[in-house]
Amino acid sequence: MSKEKPLLEGETIVFTGSREPAEAVRHAQSLGAKTLYFPLVTTSIRQSEKPDFNSYDWLIFTSRTSAQAFCQLHETVGAKIAAVGEQTAAVLQQHGYAPDFIPKIFSADHFIREFPVIAENAKCLFIKGSLAKNTIASMPMQVDEWTVYDTILNMENAGKLVLLKGVTILFASPSAVSAYRQAGGDWSNIRTAAIGHVTQEAIQAIGGTVDFTPKKYTYIEVINEIAKGRLSK
């Protein structure tokens, strides 16, 4: 009796985020996929004067990098914590900050639909990266912003990535999409996977097609979506 082939045998999945998601990489490899890592963005923590955290009712985090930068300060705060995404929440929890609010869908636009109902007239501090959009700041309440890191496009890796064919490239942010496009990526002879509808829309806006987008915005779920695509063939 012949042994069944691994579900993703022959598939090459390329991760492009600022960090290599070890658990998702292992998951993809356990299904038979080859994995590559070409980070298209890097982050640099700013050394800036910190605000008075205790003057705010809520601290808002939308990325694990902003959460890590804050946690390095070892602040004792009375403010409530809002986090977008499981990974962002996990970083905060590891350092003793229990999130009081996490949106059902891990994106800033869904965050603002749910959060005002909870916060009402609260004074908020959005702790963010340099390329974060103004979605959070647009909420109908006081939202101050503190930029704690810069996002830098890695054009060297983007140049290497555009040479690859027959692979599935996983984009986790509009910034990664921008780096690929600026390097001359034309979306031909590749498959694309996007984490989140904002990243999906960024790909589609510049002529790309998105083959895989998970309902839950995590690396593990996008690997599962790619696997489901194999099953449906």
Protein backbone atom coordinates (compact mmCIF):
# COMPACT_ATOMS: atom_id res chain seq x y z
CA MET A 1 0.00 0.00 0.00
CA SER A 2 1.51 3.33 -1.08
CA LYS A 3 2.09 6.00 1.52
CA GLU A 4 0.01 9.14 1.08
CA LYS A 5 2.05 12.18 0.09
CA PRO A 6 2.17 15.19 2.46
CA LEU A 7 -0.56 17.68 1.57
CA LEU A 8 1.80 20.52 0.64
CA GLU A 9 4.58 18.47 -0.94
CA GLY A 10 6.10 20.42 -3.84
CA GLU A 11 4.81 23.75 -2.50
CA THR A 12 7.22 26.58 -1.65
CA ILE A 13 5.83 29.19 0.75
CA VAL A 14 7.69 32.45 1.21
CA PHE A 15 7.23 34.43 4.43
CA THR A 16 7.90 38.18 4.16
CA GLY A 17 7.05 39.76 7.54
CA SER A 18 9.46 41.58 9.83
CA ARG A 19 9.87 38.40 11.89
CA GLU A 20 9.84 34.75 10.88
CA PRO A 21 6.76 33.10 12.44
CA ALA A 22 8.37 29.94 13.77
CA GLU A 23 5.15 28.10 14.60
CA ALA A 24 3.64 28.72 11.14
CA VAL A 25 6.91 27.72 9.45
CA ARG A 26 6.93 24.42 11.35
CA HIS A 27 3.27 23.88 10.48
CA ALA A 28 3.91 24.43 6.77
CA GLN A 29 6.93 22.12 6.84
CA SER A 30 4.96 19.43 8.68
CA LEU A 31 2.54 19.46 5.74
CA GLY A 32 5.41 18.93 3.31
CA ALA A 33 6.03 22.49 2.13
CA LYS A 34 9.43 24.06 1.57
CA THR A 35 9.67 27.42 3.30
CA LEU A 36 11.73 30.52 2.60
CA TYR A 37 12.06 33.74 4.54
CA PHE A 38 12.65 37.08 2.84
CA PRO A 39 11.60 39.88 5.21
CA LEU A 40 10.38 42.84 3.17
CA VAL A 41 10.16 45.20 6.14
CA THR A 42 12.38 45.83 9.12
CA THR A 43 11.62 47.87 12.21
CA SER A 44 13.76 50.23 14.25
CA ILE A 45 12.71 51.27 17.75
CA ARG A 46 12.86 55.01 18.34
CA GLN A 47 14.50 56.51 21.39
CA SER A 48 11.89 59.18 22.12
CA GLU A 49 10.58 60.85 25.24
CA LYS A 50 7.77 58.80 26.70
CA PRO A 51 4.38 60.31 27.49
CA ASP A 52 2.59 60.24 30.84
CA PHE A 53 0.82 56.91 30.44
CA ASN A 54 -1.25 57.39 33.58
CA SER A 55 -2.99 60.41 32.07
CA TYR A 56 -4.83 58.07 29.68
CA ASP A 57 -7.81 55.80 30.11
CA TRP A 58 -6.74 53.42 27.32
CA LEU A 59 -3.47 52.39 25.66
CA ILE A 60 -4.01 51.01 22.15
CA PHE A 61 -1.64 48.61 20.35
CA THR A 62 -2.07 47.32 16.79
CA SER A 63 1.24 45.47 16.32
CA ARG A 64 3.51 43.21 18.32
CA THR A 65 6.41 45.60 17.64
CA SER A 66 4.66 48.51 19.37
CA ALA A 67 3.76 46.18 22.25
CA GLN A 68 7.39 45.01 22.57
CA ALA A 69 8.68 48.59 22.57
CA PHE A 70 6.27 49.55 25.32
CA CYS A 71 7.00 46.46 27.41
CA GLN A 72 10.72 47.27 27.39
CA LEU A 73 9.88 50.31 29.52
CA HIS A 74 8.50 48.18 32.38
CA GLU A 75 5.88 50.80 33.18
CA THR A 76 3.22 50.38 35.83
CA VAL A 77 0.02 51.78 34.36
CA GLY A 78 -3.56 52.11 35.49
CA ALA A 79 -4.90 52.51 31.95
CA LYS A 80 -6.87 49.77 30.25
CA ILE A 81 -5.21 47.96 27.36
CA ALA A 82 -6.59 47.41 23.84
CA ALA A 83 -4.78 45.08 21.42
CA VAL A 84 -5.38 44.17 17.79
CA GLY A 85 -4.43 40.56 17.12
CA GLU A 86 -3.46 37.48 19.08
CA GLN A 87 0.28 38.06 18.70
CA THR A 88 0.02 41.65 19.96
CA ALA A 89 -2.03 40.50 22.92
CA ALA A 90 0.40 37.64 23.64
CA VAL A 91 3.39 40.02 23.89
CA LEU A 92 1.52 42.20 26.36
CA GLN A 93 0.38 39.24 28.42
CA GLN A 94 3.92 37.85 28.61
CA HIS A 95 4.94 41.08 30.32
CA GLY A 96 2.03 41.24 32.72
CA TYR A 97 -0.33 43.53 30.79
CA ALA A 98 -3.72 41.87 30.37
CA PRO A 99 -5.67 43.27 27.38
CA ASP A 100 -9.14 44.51 28.29
CA PHE A 101 -10.31 44.61 24.68
CA ILE A 102 -9.45 42.67 21.52
CA PRO A 103 -11.62 43.12 18.40
CA LYS A 104 -13.27 40.07 16.88
CA ILE A 105 -11.50 40.70 13.55
CA PHE A 106 -7.84 41.67 13.81
CA SER A 107 -7.73 44.94 11.87
CA ALA A 108 -7.86 48.63 12.72
CA ASP A 109 -11.05 49.33 10.77
CA HIS A 110 -12.94 46.62 12.65
CA PHE A 111 -11.37 47.82 15.89
CA ILE A 112 -12.91 51.28 15.61
CA ARG A 113 -16.38 49.84 14.96
CA GLU A 114 -16.38 47.99 18.26
CA PHE A 115 -14.15 50.09 20.49
CA PRO A 116 -16.12 53.40 20.74
CA VAL A 117 -19.02 51.50 22.27
CA ILE A 118 -16.70 50.42 25.08
CA ALA A 119 -14.58 53.53 25.48
CA GLU A 120 -17.19 56.28 24.90
CA ASN A 121 -15.49 59.53 25.99
CA ALA A 122 -12.22 57.98 27.06
CA LYS A 123 -8.82 59.58 26.56
CA CYS A 124 -6.67 57.21 24.51
CA LEU A 125 -3.02 56.83 23.53
CA PHE A 126 -2.28 54.97 20.28
CA ILE A 127 1.23 53.48 20.46
CA LYS A 128 2.24 52.91 16.84
CA GLY A 129 4.75 52.58 14.02
CA SER A 130 5.71 55.30 11.57
CA LEU A 131 3.63 53.87 8.69
CA ALA A 132 0.45 53.23 10.66
CA LYS A 133 -2.61 54.74 9.04
CA ASN A 134 -4.80 57.29 10.81
CA THR A 135 -7.68 54.83 11.25
CA ILE A 136 -7.35 54.63 15.03
CA ALA A 137 -6.89 58.40 15.38
CA SER A 138 -10.12 58.98 13.43
CA MET A 139 -12.28 57.67 16.29
CA PRO A 140 -14.75 60.19 17.80
CA MET A 141 -12.81 60.65 21.04
CA GLN A 142 -9.45 62.01 22.09
CA VAL A 143 -6.73 59.83 20.60
CA ASP A 144 -3.13 60.98 21.03
CA GLU A 145 -0.40 59.19 19.08
CA TRP A 146 3.07 58.10 20.13
CA THR A 147 5.31 56.72 17.37
CA VAL A 148 7.72 54.20 18.88
CA TYR A 149 9.24 52.56 15.80
CA ASP A 150 10.05 53.18 12.15
CA THR A 151 9.18 50.74 9.38
CA ILE A 152 11.84 50.40 6.68
CA LEU A 153 11.34 48.60 3.36
CA ASN A 154 13.97 45.94 2.63
CA MET A 155 14.48 46.49 -1.08
CA GLU A 156 17.41 44.05 -1.30
CA ASN A 157 15.16 41.16 -0.29
CA ALA A 158 12.37 42.49 -2.48
CA GLY A 159 14.72 42.31 -5.45
CA LYS A 160 15.47 38.66 -4.67
CA LEU A 161 11.79 37.90 -4.26
CA VAL A 162 10.73 39.16 -7.69
CA LEU A 163 13.03 36.57 -9.28
CA LEU A 164 11.13 33.67 -7.73
CA LYS A 165 8.53 31.84 -9.81
CA GLY A 166 6.07 29.10 -8.98
CA VAL A 167 5.99 29.95 -5.28
CA THR A 168 3.33 31.19 -2.88
CA ILE A 169 4.30 34.51 -1.34
CA LEU A 170 2.68 35.38 1.98
CA PHE A 171 2.15 39.12 2.53
CA ALA A 172 1.25 40.27 6.03
CA SER A 173 1.11 44.05 5.52
CA PRO A 174 0.59 46.73 2.86
CA SER A 175 4.22 47.78 3.47
CA ALA A 176 5.46 44.37 2.30
CA VAL A 177 3.23 44.65 -0.76
CA SER A 178 4.71 48.06 -1.53
CA ALA A 179 8.29 46.76 -1.29
CA TYR A 180 7.55 43.90 -3.70
CA ARG A 181 5.89 46.21 -6.21
CA GLN A 182 8.63 48.86 -6.02
CA ALA A 183 11.22 46.17 -6.77
CA GLY A 184 9.41 45.35 -10.00
CA GLY A 185 7.18 42.50 -8.87
CA ASP A 186 4.43 42.05 -11.46
CA TRP A 187 2.47 39.23 -9.76
CA SER A 188 3.08 36.86 -12.70
CA ASN A 189 3.93 33.17 -12.18
CA ILE A 190 3.34 33.31 -8.42
CA ARG A 191 0.48 32.69 -6.03
CA THR A 192 -0.23 35.16 -3.28
CA ALA A 193 -1.57 34.82 0.24
CA ALA A 194 -2.66 37.80 2.32
CA ILE A 195 -3.22 38.12 6.03
CA GLY A 196 -6.08 40.55 6.44
CA HIS A 197 -8.42 42.34 4.09
CA VAL A 198 -6.32 45.53 4.18
CA THR A 199 -3.30 43.65 2.79
CA GLN A 200 -5.57 41.90 0.28
CA GLU A 201 -6.91 45.25 -0.93
CA ALA A 202 -3.35 46.63 -1.23
CA ILE A 203 -2.42 43.75 -3.55
CA GLN A 204 -5.55 44.11 -5.64
CA ALA A 205 -5.15 47.89 -5.90
CA ILE A 206 -1.91 47.48 -7.85
CA GLY A 207 -3.03 44.71 -10.14
CA GLY A 208 -2.33 41.60 -8.13
CA THR A 209 -4.61 38.64 -7.48
CA VAL A 210 -4.98 37.14 -4.03
CA ASP A 211 -5.27 33.36 -4.00
CA PHE A 212 -5.54 32.76 -0.26
CA THR A 213 -6.97 34.93 2.55
CA PRO A 214 -7.94 33.31 5.86
CA LYS A 215 -11.03 34.42 7.75
CA LYS A 216 -8.94 34.57 10.90
CA TYR A 217 -5.95 36.83 10.38
CA THR A 218 -3.09 34.62 11.55
CA TYR A 219 -0.12 32.89 9.90
CA ILE A 220 -1.34 29.44 10.94
CA GLU A 221 -4.72 30.00 9.31
CA VAL A 222 -3.24 31.17 6.02
CA ILE A 223 -1.20 27.94 5.86
CA ASN A 224 -4.41 26.02 6.48
CA GLU A 225 -6.08 27.92 3.62
CA ILE A 226 -3.26 26.96 1.26
CA ALA A 227 -3.67 23.35 2.36
CA LYS A 228 -7.42 23.50 1.74
CA GLY A 229 -6.68 24.77 -1.75
CA ARG A 230 -4.68 21.61 -2.41
CA LEU A 231 -7.53 19.45 -1.14
CA SER A 232 -10.04 21.11 -3.44
CA LYS A 233 -8.00 20.29 -6.56
